[in-house]
Every structure is written in C-alpha cells, then in structure tokens.
Amino acid sequence: MRRLAPPGIIATLAGSWRLTRTVDNGASMTGIAAFGDRGDGHFNYREQGRLRLPGGGFIDAERRYVFTDEDGGFAVWFAENPPRLFHRVVLARAGSRLVGQARHLCGEDRYDSRYEFVADDAFRVEHAVRDPRKRYAMSSGYALLMPDADDAAPKRLTENEVGRINQ
C-alpha cells in the first residue's frame, strides 16, 4: 500500500485509476484517469470515459490537467500553453483522511472544489458549480487499478501509456 501524505502527494498518485463520476442532473461517467510523471515536478492528468447524459444518450469524454506538488498540498493547472491556474489546494488531516478545498472564479462562474484522500488507494473530488445560468454538483471517485493477482505492486503506466497522457 502507498502512503498518501504531503509533501509529494501528487507523486503518490502516479498510475492509473478507475473513475466513477455522478452529476446531480442525472449524468454519470465511468472511465480511466491517469497521472503521468513528466520528470520535471509536473504530473499530467488525463481522464477518458463514457458520459451518460441525463436523457440517456452517451458520448465519449476527456479532460486534461497538470498537477504540481506545493508546500502542504498541490496546484491544478489547465493543460494549456501557457498553463493557467485552476486552483491551489492546501491539505489538512481529518482523522485518517487528508482533505482540502479550493475555489476557482471564471467570469460569473464559481467552482468550489473539495478533495478527500480517504485511503491509500482511493480518493474523491467534488465540484459545485454556480453562476447565473447553471448550478450543478459533480462527485468523482477514484480507485487505484490493481495489476494481475500475480503482481503485488499497483499498476504503473508503461512508457507508451505515459507518452499518450503527455500528448
């Protein structure tokens, strides 16, 4: 088991994760999320999955960010050139959990986010989005993808997989 604790929490997330997301409007998504180490203190995050729309249809979905460790927590950047800050998260212990909150303002949009690292191999991210035209909450659960039963170590990305994340 890996121990999640600052400093360096983002480095402990390197690998592939099963992603399960719900949105309070009835949408949901399942897929894979991966953190790939770029080797420069930055970790590319990429998620891909199938989004079930409230009306029942499905679409492919993808999202990318760049994560960096910071004193006492981490920062999340939009995967743009140049990178643009989404938010900074300071983590605090709450019993056996690590929790942190952040806010991102974009025009009239407000994104309130909460991160909860509940176990060595699981974490949760919640976003509440508010503006004059929209209001929704989204909850994402992450569970570390384990390798075959013959291998005791957590699944790690191959160089090719990391390359795809970095694209």
Foldseek 3Di string as FASTA:
>chain_A
DADQDDDPNLVLQAAKWWKWKDKPLQKIWTWMWGWFDPPPQKTKIKTWTWIQDNVGDIDIDMAIWIWGGDVQFIWIWHPDVVTHTQWTWHWDDDDSKIKTWTWGDDPQKIWIKMKIDDDSFKIKMKIWIDGPVDTMIMIMIIGFQADPPVDPDTHHDDPVRSVVSVD
